[in-house]
């Protein structure tokens, strides 16, 4: 299963969710492939030993026609990573938006999957609609949309929905999506208001699991750790364990 984690709004926990969902899968005995599709490379920086050269990053898949299998790095306690590089920002201007480039990641993953053991793939997307994000949407089986519990995030969710409505006639399928509430503060009425409004608009596509505000979740990336390694008994680790369980129950993973 390929899960793309996307929101056009920044600061909602895309990278944190990719990291900790990957770690939860590894702890469940199914190490995933994490793919950093964001030129900012935050996920790659958490790895701690990702190469600095563009020709050893995902950019080489686009620019140098290198296979994805040649770019994988082992990531202890998680699985494998294909790292990003800041040169990815050039992909839009170099390759345009024709069908070949929009489907390039899908074809690359299909080729990779034909030669490796089955595993889940988690794609950490950049926070804007361009060739890279479209590659992820065209390639994924599910879109996981983190929504922080503030009112501007509701507008972002509506924006994503309109974007998908434009894309789906091209894809000739509905893009299955799941909305995940992040930075949820049970002390604030606004958190419940946002959750209720989201459920009114998107029904069962809204996950029951929420990721609460938690110090361990916020701290762990700065230590190059997932939340389970940083503090396995924290409420943040509990939330991400529950997220994995719910996605498995819904056959999303």
C-alpha atoms as a PDB file:
ATOM      1  CA  UNK A   1       0.000   0.000   0.000  1.00  0.00           C
ATOM      2  CA  UNK A   2       1.243   3.474  -0.890  1.00  0.00           C
ATOM      3  CA  UNK A   3       0.255   6.299   1.450  1.00  0.00           C
ATOM      4  CA  UNK A   4       0.968   9.904   0.442  1.00  0.00           C
ATOM      5  CA  UNK A   5       0.889  12.429   3.276  1.00  0.00           C
ATOM      6  CA  UNK A   6      -0.144  15.793   1.892  1.00  0.00           C
ATOM      7  CA  UNK A   7      -1.567  19.163   2.824  1.00  0.00           C
ATOM      8  CA  UNK A   8      -1.073  22.481   1.078  1.00  0.00           C
ATOM      9  CA  UNK A   9      -0.879  24.131   4.497  1.00  0.00           C
ATOM     10  CA  UNK A  10       2.440  23.978   6.323  1.00  0.00           C
ATOM     11  CA  UNK A  11       2.962  23.148   9.975  1.00  0.00           C
ATOM     12  CA  UNK A  12       0.288  20.465  10.228  1.00  0.00           C
ATOM     13  CA  UNK A  13       2.576  17.504  10.949  1.00  0.00           C
ATOM     14  CA  UNK A  14       3.160  15.881   7.563  1.00  0.00           C
ATOM     15  CA  UNK A  15       6.775  14.912   8.199  1.00  0.00           C
ATOM     16  CA  UNK A  16       6.129  14.005  11.837  1.00  0.00           C
ATOM     17  CA  UNK A  17       3.321  11.715  10.737  1.00  0.00           C
ATOM     18  CA  UNK A  18       5.426  10.092   8.000  1.00  0.00           C
ATOM     19  CA  UNK A  19       8.224   9.469  10.508  1.00  0.00           C
ATOM     20  CA  UNK A  20       6.079   8.061  13.302  1.00  0.00           C
ATOM     21  CA  UNK A  21       3.723   6.047  11.118  1.00  0.00           C
ATOM     22  CA  UNK A  22       6.822   4.485   9.572  1.00  0.00           C
ATOM     23  CA  UNK A  23       8.214   3.711  13.025  1.00  0.00           C
ATOM     24  CA  UNK A  24       4.882   2.204  14.118  1.00  0.00           C
ATOM     25  CA  UNK A  25       4.901  -0.068  11.062  1.00  0.00           C
ATOM     26  CA  UNK A  26       8.443  -1.173  11.858  1.00  0.00           C
ATOM     27  CA  UNK A  27       7.473  -1.967  15.448  1.00  0.00           C
ATOM     28  CA  UNK A  28       4.593  -4.040  14.066  1.00  0.00           C
ATOM     29  CA  UNK A  29       7.081  -6.108  12.038  1.00  0.00           C
ATOM     30  CA  UNK A  30       6.515  -4.531   8.612  1.00  0.00           C
ATOM     31  CA  UNK A  31       9.327  -2.018   7.937  1.00  0.00           C
ATOM     32  CA  UNK A  32       8.194   0.443   5.241  1.00  0.00           C
ATOM     33  CA  UNK A  33       9.904   2.460   2.559  1.00  0.00           C
ATOM     34  CA  UNK A  34       9.799   6.192   3.313  1.00  0.00           C
ATOM     35  CA  UNK A  35      10.114   8.522   0.364  1.00  0.00           C
ATOM     36  CA  UNK A  36      10.986  12.188   0.935  1.00  0.00           C
ATOM     37  CA  UNK A  37       9.385  14.181  -1.866  1.00  0.00           C
ATOM     38  CA  UNK A  38       9.872  17.592  -0.226  1.00  0.00           C
ATOM     39  CA  UNK A  39      12.801  19.747  -1.425  1.00  0.00           C
ATOM     40  CA  UNK A  40      13.113  21.043   2.133  1.00  0.00           C
ATOM     41  CA  UNK A  41      14.224  17.536   3.101  1.00  0.00           C
ATOM     42  CA  UNK A  42      13.055  17.582   6.710  1.00  0.00           C
ATOM     43  CA  UNK A  43      12.437  13.839   6.789  1.00  0.00           C
ATOM     44  CA  UNK A  44      15.871  13.169   5.295  1.00  0.00           C
ATOM     45  CA  UNK A  45      17.509  15.417   7.888  1.00  0.00           C
ATOM     46  CA  UNK A  46      15.947  13.368  10.703  1.00  0.00           C
ATOM     47  CA  UNK A  47      17.629  10.269   9.256  1.00  0.00           C
ATOM     48  CA  UNK A  48      20.893  11.944  10.186  1.00  0.00           C
ATOM     49  CA  UNK A  49      23.114  10.247   7.593  1.00  0.00           C
ATOM     50  CA  UNK A  50      21.374  11.018   4.312  1.00  0.00           C
ATOM     51  CA  UNK A  51      23.870  11.929   1.566  1.00  0.00           C
ATOM     52  CA  UNK A  52      24.292  15.571   0.621  1.00  0.00           C
ATOM     53  CA  UNK A  53      24.858  14.902  -3.090  1.00  0.00           C
ATOM     54  CA  UNK A  54      21.926  15.416  -5.467  1.00  0.00           C
ATOM     55  CA  UNK A  55      22.936  12.351  -7.502  1.00  0.00           C
ATOM     56  CA  UNK A  56      22.321  10.120  -4.488  1.00  0.00           C
ATOM     57  CA  UNK A  57      18.873  11.558  -3.794  1.00  0.00           C
ATOM     58  CA  UNK A  58      15.408  11.330  -5.304  1.00  0.00           C
ATOM     59  CA  UNK A  59      16.435  14.119  -7.687  1.00  0.00           C
ATOM     60  CA  UNK A  60      18.617  11.569  -9.518  1.00  0.00           C
ATOM     61  CA  UNK A  61      15.475   9.516 -10.220  1.00  0.00           C
ATOM     62  CA  UNK A  62      14.066  12.467 -12.156  1.00  0.00           C
ATOM     63  CA  UNK A  63      17.212  14.018 -13.607  1.00  0.00           C
ATOM     64  CA  UNK A  64      19.585  11.070 -14.132  1.00  0.00           C
ATOM     65  CA  UNK A  65      17.028   8.280 -14.671  1.00  0.00           C
ATOM     66  CA  UNK A  66      18.422   6.279 -11.757  1.00  0.00           C
ATOM     67  CA  UNK A  67      16.197   3.504 -10.440  1.00  0.00           C
ATOM     68  CA  UNK A  68      14.613   3.978  -7.030  1.00  0.00           C
ATOM     69  CA  UNK A  69      16.328   0.799  -5.863  1.00  0.00           C
ATOM     70  CA  UNK A  70      19.713   2.506  -6.334  1.00  0.00           C
ATOM     71  CA  UNK A  71      18.771   5.360  -3.989  1.00  0.00           C
ATOM     72  CA  UNK A  72      17.502   3.515  -0.910  1.00  0.00           C
ATOM     73  CA  UNK A  73      19.165   3.955   2.467  1.00  0.00           C
ATOM     74  CA  UNK A  74      18.653   1.724   5.466  1.00  0.00           C
ATOM     75  CA  UNK A  75      17.001   3.493   8.389  1.00  0.00           C
ATOM     76  CA  UNK A  76      17.433   1.680  11.672  1.00  0.00           C
ATOM     77  CA  UNK A  77      14.208   1.296  13.683  1.00  0.00           C
ATOM     78  CA  UNK A  78      12.117   2.344  10.656  1.00  0.00           C
ATOM     79  CA  UNK A  79      12.937   0.629   7.356  1.00  0.00           C
ATOM     80  CA  UNK A  80      14.343   2.313   4.254  1.00  0.00           C
ATOM     81  CA  UNK A  81      14.473   5.913   3.048  1.00  0.00           C
ATOM     82  CA  UNK A  82      14.861   7.498  -0.371  1.00  0.00           C
ATOM     83  CA  UNK A  83      16.129  10.965   0.560  1.00  0.00           C
ATOM     84  CA  UNK A  84      15.233  14.356  -0.858  1.00  0.00           C
ATOM     85  CA  UNK A  85      17.527  17.114  -2.061  1.00  0.00           C
ATOM     86  CA  UNK A  86      16.934  20.833  -2.493  1.00  0.00           C
ATOM     87  CA  UNK A  87      17.450  20.392  -6.248  1.00  0.00           C
ATOM     88  CA  UNK A  88      13.981  18.798  -6.359  1.00  0.00           C
ATOM     89  CA  UNK A  89      12.638  22.345  -6.449  1.00  0.00           C
ATOM     90  CA  UNK A  90      13.757  22.418 -10.123  1.00  0.00           C
ATOM     91  CA  UNK A  91      11.599  19.491 -11.220  1.00  0.00           C
ATOM     92  CA  UNK A  92       8.642  21.687 -12.220  1.00  0.00           C
ATOM     93  CA  UNK A  93      10.703  23.995 -14.418  1.00  0.00           C
ATOM     94  CA  UNK A  94      12.818  21.227 -15.983  1.00  0.00           C
ATOM     95  CA  UNK A  95      10.131  18.703 -16.849  1.00  0.00           C
ATOM     96  CA  UNK A  96       6.839  20.620 -17.175  1.00  0.00           C
ATOM     97  CA  UNK A  97       3.546  18.874 -16.422  1.00  0.00           C
ATOM     98  CA  UNK A  98       2.998  16.335 -19.191  1.00  0.00           C
ATOM     99  CA  UNK A  99       1.584  12.832 -18.575  1.00  0.00           C
ATOM    100  CA  UNK A 100       5.024  11.207 -18.606  1.00  0.00           C
ATOM    101  CA  UNK A 101       6.382  13.261 -15.726  1.00  0.00           C
ATOM    102  CA  UNK A 102       3.131  13.153 -13.734  1.00  0.00           C
ATOM    103  CA  UNK A 103       3.183   9.351 -13.812  1.00  0.00           C
ATOM    104  CA  UNK A 104       6.929   8.950 -13.378  1.00  0.00           C
ATOM    105  CA  UNK A 105       6.865   8.125  -9.659  1.00  0.00           C
ATOM    106  CA  UNK A 106       4.023   5.630 -10.109  1.00  0.00           C
ATOM    107  CA  UNK A 107       5.957   3.804 -12.812  1.00  0.00           C
ATOM    108  CA  UNK A 108       9.150   3.916 -10.752  1.00  0.00           C
ATOM    109  CA  UNK A 109       7.416   2.428  -7.720  1.00  0.00           C
ATOM    110  CA  UNK A 110       5.776  -0.255  -9.838  1.00  0.00           C
ATOM    111  CA  UNK A 111       9.171  -1.251 -11.179  1.00  0.00           C
ATOM    112  CA  UNK A 112      10.680  -1.248  -7.682  1.00  0.00           C
ATOM    113  CA  UNK A 113       7.823  -3.332  -6.278  1.00  0.00           C
ATOM    114  CA  UNK A 114       8.219  -5.906  -9.039  1.00  0.00           C
ATOM    115  CA  UNK A 115      11.730  -6.733  -7.808  1.00  0.00           C
ATOM    116  CA  UNK A 116      11.412  -6.424  -4.016  1.00  0.00           C
ATOM    117  CA  UNK A 117       9.435  -8.076  -1.228  1.00  0.00           C
ATOM    118  CA  UNK A 118       6.034  -6.495  -0.513  1.00  0.00           C
ATOM    119  CA  UNK A 119       6.171  -3.506   1.834  1.00  0.00           C
ATOM    120  CA  UNK A 120       4.263  -0.331   2.497  1.00  0.00           C
ATOM    121  CA  UNK A 121       5.457   2.976   1.067  1.00  0.00           C
ATOM    122  CA  UNK A 122       4.953   6.299   2.853  1.00  0.00           C
ATOM    123  CA  UNK A 123       5.469   9.457   0.791  1.00  0.00           C
ATOM    124  CA  UNK A 124       6.170  12.741   2.579  1.00  0.00           C
ATOM    125  CA  UNK A 125       4.953  15.458   0.207  1.00  0.00           C
ATOM    126  CA  UNK A 126       5.876  19.101  -0.231  1.00  0.00           C
ATOM    127  CA  UNK A 127       3.247  21.651   0.908  1.00  0.00           C
ATOM    128  CA  UNK A 128       2.189  22.915  -2.522  1.00  0.00           C
ATOM    129  CA  UNK A 129       0.608  21.557  -5.680  1.00  0.00           C
ATOM    130  CA  UNK A 130       3.269  21.064  -8.319  1.00  0.00           C
ATOM    131  CA  UNK A 131       4.827  18.188 -10.224  1.00  0.00           C
ATOM    132  CA  UNK A 132       6.145  16.519  -7.064  1.00  0.00           C
ATOM    133  CA  UNK A 133       2.847  16.560  -5.183  1.00  0.00           C
ATOM    134  CA  UNK A 134       0.997  15.452  -8.312  1.00  0.00           C
ATOM    135  CA  UNK A 135       3.469  12.570  -8.686  1.00  0.00           C
ATOM    136  CA  UNK A 136       2.558  11.449  -5.168  1.00  0.00           C
ATOM    137  CA  UNK A 137      -1.194  11.782  -5.739  1.00  0.00           C
ATOM    138  CA  UNK A 138      -0.999   9.885  -9.046  1.00  0.00           C
ATOM    139  CA  UNK A 139       1.090   7.136  -7.410  1.00  0.00           C
ATOM    140  CA  UNK A 140      -0.684   6.635  -4.079  1.00  0.00           C
ATOM    141  CA  UNK A 141      -3.426   4.243  -3.024  1.00  0.00           C
ATOM    142  CA  UNK A 142      -4.473   6.497  -0.144  1.00  0.00           C
ATOM    143  CA  UNK A 143      -3.993  10.174   0.623  1.00  0.00           C
ATOM    144  CA  UNK A 144      -3.504  10.921   4.331  1.00  0.00           C
ATOM    145  CA  UNK A 145      -4.267  14.572   5.051  1.00  0.00           C
ATOM    146  CA  UNK A 146      -3.102  15.918   8.428  1.00  0.00           C
ATOM    147  CA  UNK A 147      -5.331  18.743   9.646  1.00  0.00           C
ATOM    148  CA  UNK A 148      -4.204  20.795  12.638  1.00  0.00           C
ATOM    149  CA  UNK A 149      -7.085  21.879  14.845  1.00  0.00           C
ATOM    150  CA  UNK A 150      -7.437  25.505  13.802  1.00  0.00           C
ATOM    151  CA  UNK A 151      -9.976  27.154  11.548  1.00  0.00           C
ATOM    152  CA  UNK A 152      -7.539  27.948   8.736  1.00  0.00           C
ATOM    153  CA  UNK A 153      -6.924  24.212   8.416  1.00  0.00           C
ATOM    154  CA  UNK A 154     -10.587  23.706   7.589  1.00  0.00           C
ATOM    155  CA  UNK A 155     -10.123  26.046   4.635  1.00  0.00           C
ATOM    156  CA  UNK A 156      -7.044  24.069   3.604  1.00  0.00           C
ATOM    157  CA  UNK A 157      -9.067  20.825   3.720  1.00  0.00           C
ATOM    158  CA  UNK A 158     -11.673  22.368   1.411  1.00  0.00           C
ATOM    159  CA  UNK A 159      -8.911  23.532  -0.934  1.00  0.00           C
ATOM    160  CA  UNK A 160      -7.504  20.014  -1.140  1.00  0.00           C
ATOM    161  CA  UNK A 161     -10.962  18.611  -1.842  1.00  0.00           C
ATOM    162  CA  UNK A 162     -11.439  21.018  -4.764  1.00  0.00           C
ATOM    163  CA  UNK A 163      -7.995  20.118  -6.102  1.00  0.00           C
ATOM    164  CA  UNK A 164      -8.830  16.416  -6.002  1.00  0.00           C
ATOM    165  CA  UNK A 165     -12.144  17.024  -7.757  1.00  0.00           C
ATOM    166  CA  UNK A 166     -10.216  18.581 -10.644  1.00  0.00           C
ATOM    167  CA  UNK A 167      -7.696  15.727 -10.765  1.00  0.00           C
ATOM    168  CA  UNK A 168     -10.055  12.762 -10.481  1.00  0.00           C
ATOM    169  CA  UNK A 169     -11.454  12.945 -14.040  1.00  0.00           C
ATOM    170  CA  UNK A 170      -7.849  12.756 -15.264  1.00  0.00           C
ATOM    171  CA  UNK A 171      -7.052   9.853 -12.939  1.00  0.00           C
ATOM    172  CA  UNK A 172     -10.370   8.153 -13.772  1.00  0.00           C
ATOM    173  CA  UNK A 173     -10.773   7.156 -10.126  1.00  0.00           C
ATOM    174  CA  UNK A 174     -11.626   8.669  -6.783  1.00  0.00           C
ATOM    175  CA  UNK A 175      -8.560   9.437  -4.719  1.00  0.00           C
ATOM    176  CA  UNK A 176      -9.241   7.719  -1.422  1.00  0.00           C
ATOM    177  CA  UNK A 177      -8.413  10.132   1.363  1.00  0.00           C
ATOM    178  CA  UNK A 178      -8.285  10.086   5.142  1.00  0.00           C
ATOM    179  CA  UNK A 179      -8.258  13.201   7.302  1.00  0.00           C
ATOM    180  CA  UNK A 180      -6.105  13.042  10.444  1.00  0.00           C
ATOM    181  CA  UNK A 181      -6.508  15.648  13.164  1.00  0.00           C
ATOM    182  CA  UNK A 182      -3.143  16.738  14.553  1.00  0.00           C
ATOM    183  CA  UNK A 183      -2.005  19.120  17.306  1.00  0.00           C
ATOM    184  CA  UNK A 184      -5.283  18.279  19.027  1.00  0.00           C
ATOM    185  CA  UNK A 185      -5.672  20.043  22.384  1.00  0.00           C
ATOM    186  CA  UNK A 186      -8.517  18.593  24.428  1.00  0.00           C
ATOM    187  CA  UNK A 187      -8.510  21.656  26.674  1.00  0.00           C
ATOM    188  CA  UNK A 188      -9.579  23.912  23.827  1.00  0.00           C
ATOM    189  CA  UNK A 189     -13.120  24.033  22.596  1.00  0.00           C
ATOM    190  CA  UNK A 190     -11.806  24.933  19.132  1.00  0.00           C
ATOM    191  CA  UNK A 191     -10.301  21.453  18.760  1.00  0.00           C
ATOM    192  CA  UNK A 192     -13.710  19.830  19.151  1.00  0.00           C
ATOM    193  CA  UNK A 193     -15.313  22.445  16.905  1.00  0.00           C
ATOM    194  CA  UNK A 194     -12.845  21.731  14.111  1.00  0.00           C
ATOM    195  CA  UNK A 195     -13.314  17.970  14.513  1.00  0.00           C
ATOM    196  CA  UNK A 196     -17.115  18.290  14.373  1.00  0.00           C
ATOM    197  CA  UNK A 197     -17.036  20.530  11.307  1.00  0.00           C
ATOM    198  CA  UNK A 198     -14.603  18.193   9.573  1.00  0.00           C
ATOM    199  CA  UNK A 199     -16.881  15.222  10.261  1.00  0.00           C
ATOM    200  CA  UNK A 200     -19.907  17.139   8.967  1.00  0.00           C
ATOM    201  CA  UNK A 201     -18.121  17.801   5.681  1.00  0.00           C
ATOM    202  CA  UNK A 202     -16.195  14.568   5.128  1.00  0.00           C
ATOM    203  CA  UNK A 203     -17.971  11.922   7.199  1.00  0.00           C
ATOM    204  CA  UNK A 204     -16.190   8.617   7.613  1.00  0.00           C
ATOM    205  CA  UNK A 205     -13.124   9.850   5.722  1.00  0.00           C
ATOM    206  CA  UNK A 206     -12.217  11.569   9.003  1.00  0.00           C
ATOM    207  CA  UNK A 207     -10.212   9.199  11.201  1.00  0.00           C
ATOM    208  CA  UNK A 208     -11.311   8.564  14.767  1.00  0.00           C
ATOM    209  CA  UNK A 209      -7.711   8.714  15.969  1.00  0.00           C
ATOM    210  CA  UNK A 210      -6.345  12.164  16.778  1.00  0.00           C
ATOM    211  CA  UNK A 211      -2.739  13.162  17.398  1.00  0.00           C
ATOM    212  CA  UNK A 212      -2.759  15.263  20.548  1.00  0.00           C
ATOM    213  CA  UNK A 213      -0.339  18.075  21.371  1.00  0.00           C
ATOM    214  CA  UNK A 214       2.554  16.249  22.979  1.00  0.00           C
ATOM    215  CA  UNK A 215       6.060  17.231  24.030  1.00  0.00           C
ATOM    216  CA  UNK A 216       7.573  13.903  22.966  1.00  0.00           C
ATOM    217  CA  UNK A 217       6.155  14.230  19.441  1.00  0.00           C
ATOM    218  CA  UNK A 218       7.505  17.777  19.146  1.00  0.00           C
ATOM    219  CA  UNK A 219      10.942  16.982  20.590  1.00  0.00           C
ATOM    220  CA  UNK A 220      11.798  13.698  18.899  1.00  0.00           C
ATOM    221  CA  UNK A 221      12.701  14.986  15.369  1.00  0.00           C
ATOM    222  CA  UNK A 222      15.303  17.355  16.839  1.00  0.00           C
ATOM    223  CA  UNK A 223      16.978  14.286  18.365  1.00  0.00           C
ATOM    224  CA  UNK A 224      16.857  12.343  15.071  1.00  0.00           C
ATOM    225  CA  UNK A 225      14.404   9.945  16.680  1.00  0.00           C
ATOM    226  CA  UNK A 226      10.841   8.821  16.187  1.00  0.00           C
ATOM    227  CA  UNK A 227       8.473   9.254  19.117  1.00  0.00           C
ATOM    228  CA  UNK A 228       8.709   5.580  20.106  1.00  0.00           C
ATOM    229  CA  UNK A 229      12.472   5.692  20.534  1.00  0.00           C
ATOM    230  CA  UNK A 230      12.287   9.048  22.307  1.00  0.00           C
ATOM    231  CA  UNK A 231       9.515   8.126  24.733  1.00  0.00           C
ATOM    232  CA  UNK A 232       7.578   4.930  24.033  1.00  0.00           C
ATOM    233  CA  UNK A 233       5.277   5.520  27.002  1.00  0.00           C
ATOM    234  CA  UNK A 234       4.223   9.022  25.908  1.00  0.00           C
ATOM    235  CA  UNK A 235       0.712   9.867  24.802  1.00  0.00           C
ATOM    236  CA  UNK A 236       2.166  10.773  21.391  1.00  0.00           C
ATOM    237  CA  UNK A 237       3.525   7.246  20.921  1.00  0.00           C
ATOM    238  CA  UNK A 238       0.145   5.897  22.008  1.00  0.00           C
ATOM    239  CA  UNK A 239      -1.619   8.100  19.439  1.00  0.00           C
ATOM    240  CA  UNK A 240       0.556   6.914  16.554  1.00  0.00           C
ATOM    241  CA  UNK A 241       0.133   3.302  17.600  1.00  0.00           C
ATOM    242  CA  UNK A 242      -3.635   3.870  17.516  1.00  0.00           C
ATOM    243  CA  UNK A 243      -3.347   5.537  14.108  1.00  0.00           C
ATOM    244  CA  UNK A 244      -1.676   2.467  12.657  1.00  0.00           C
ATOM    245  CA  UNK A 245      -4.284   0.172  14.251  1.00  0.00           C
ATOM    246  CA  UNK A 246      -7.139   2.220  12.766  1.00  0.00           C
ATOM    247  CA  UNK A 247      -5.594   2.324   9.288  1.00  0.00           C
ATOM    248  CA  UNK A 248      -5.107  -1.456   9.413  1.00  0.00           C
ATOM    249  CA  UNK A 249      -8.695  -1.974  10.585  1.00  0.00           C
ATOM    250  CA  UNK A 250      -9.922   0.135   7.662  1.00  0.00           C
ATOM    251  CA  UNK A 251      -7.704  -1.806   5.220  1.00  0.00           C
ATOM    252  CA  UNK A 252      -5.765   1.382   4.459  1.00  0.00           C
ATOM    253  CA  UNK A 253      -2.557  -0.437   5.394  1.00  0.00           C
END
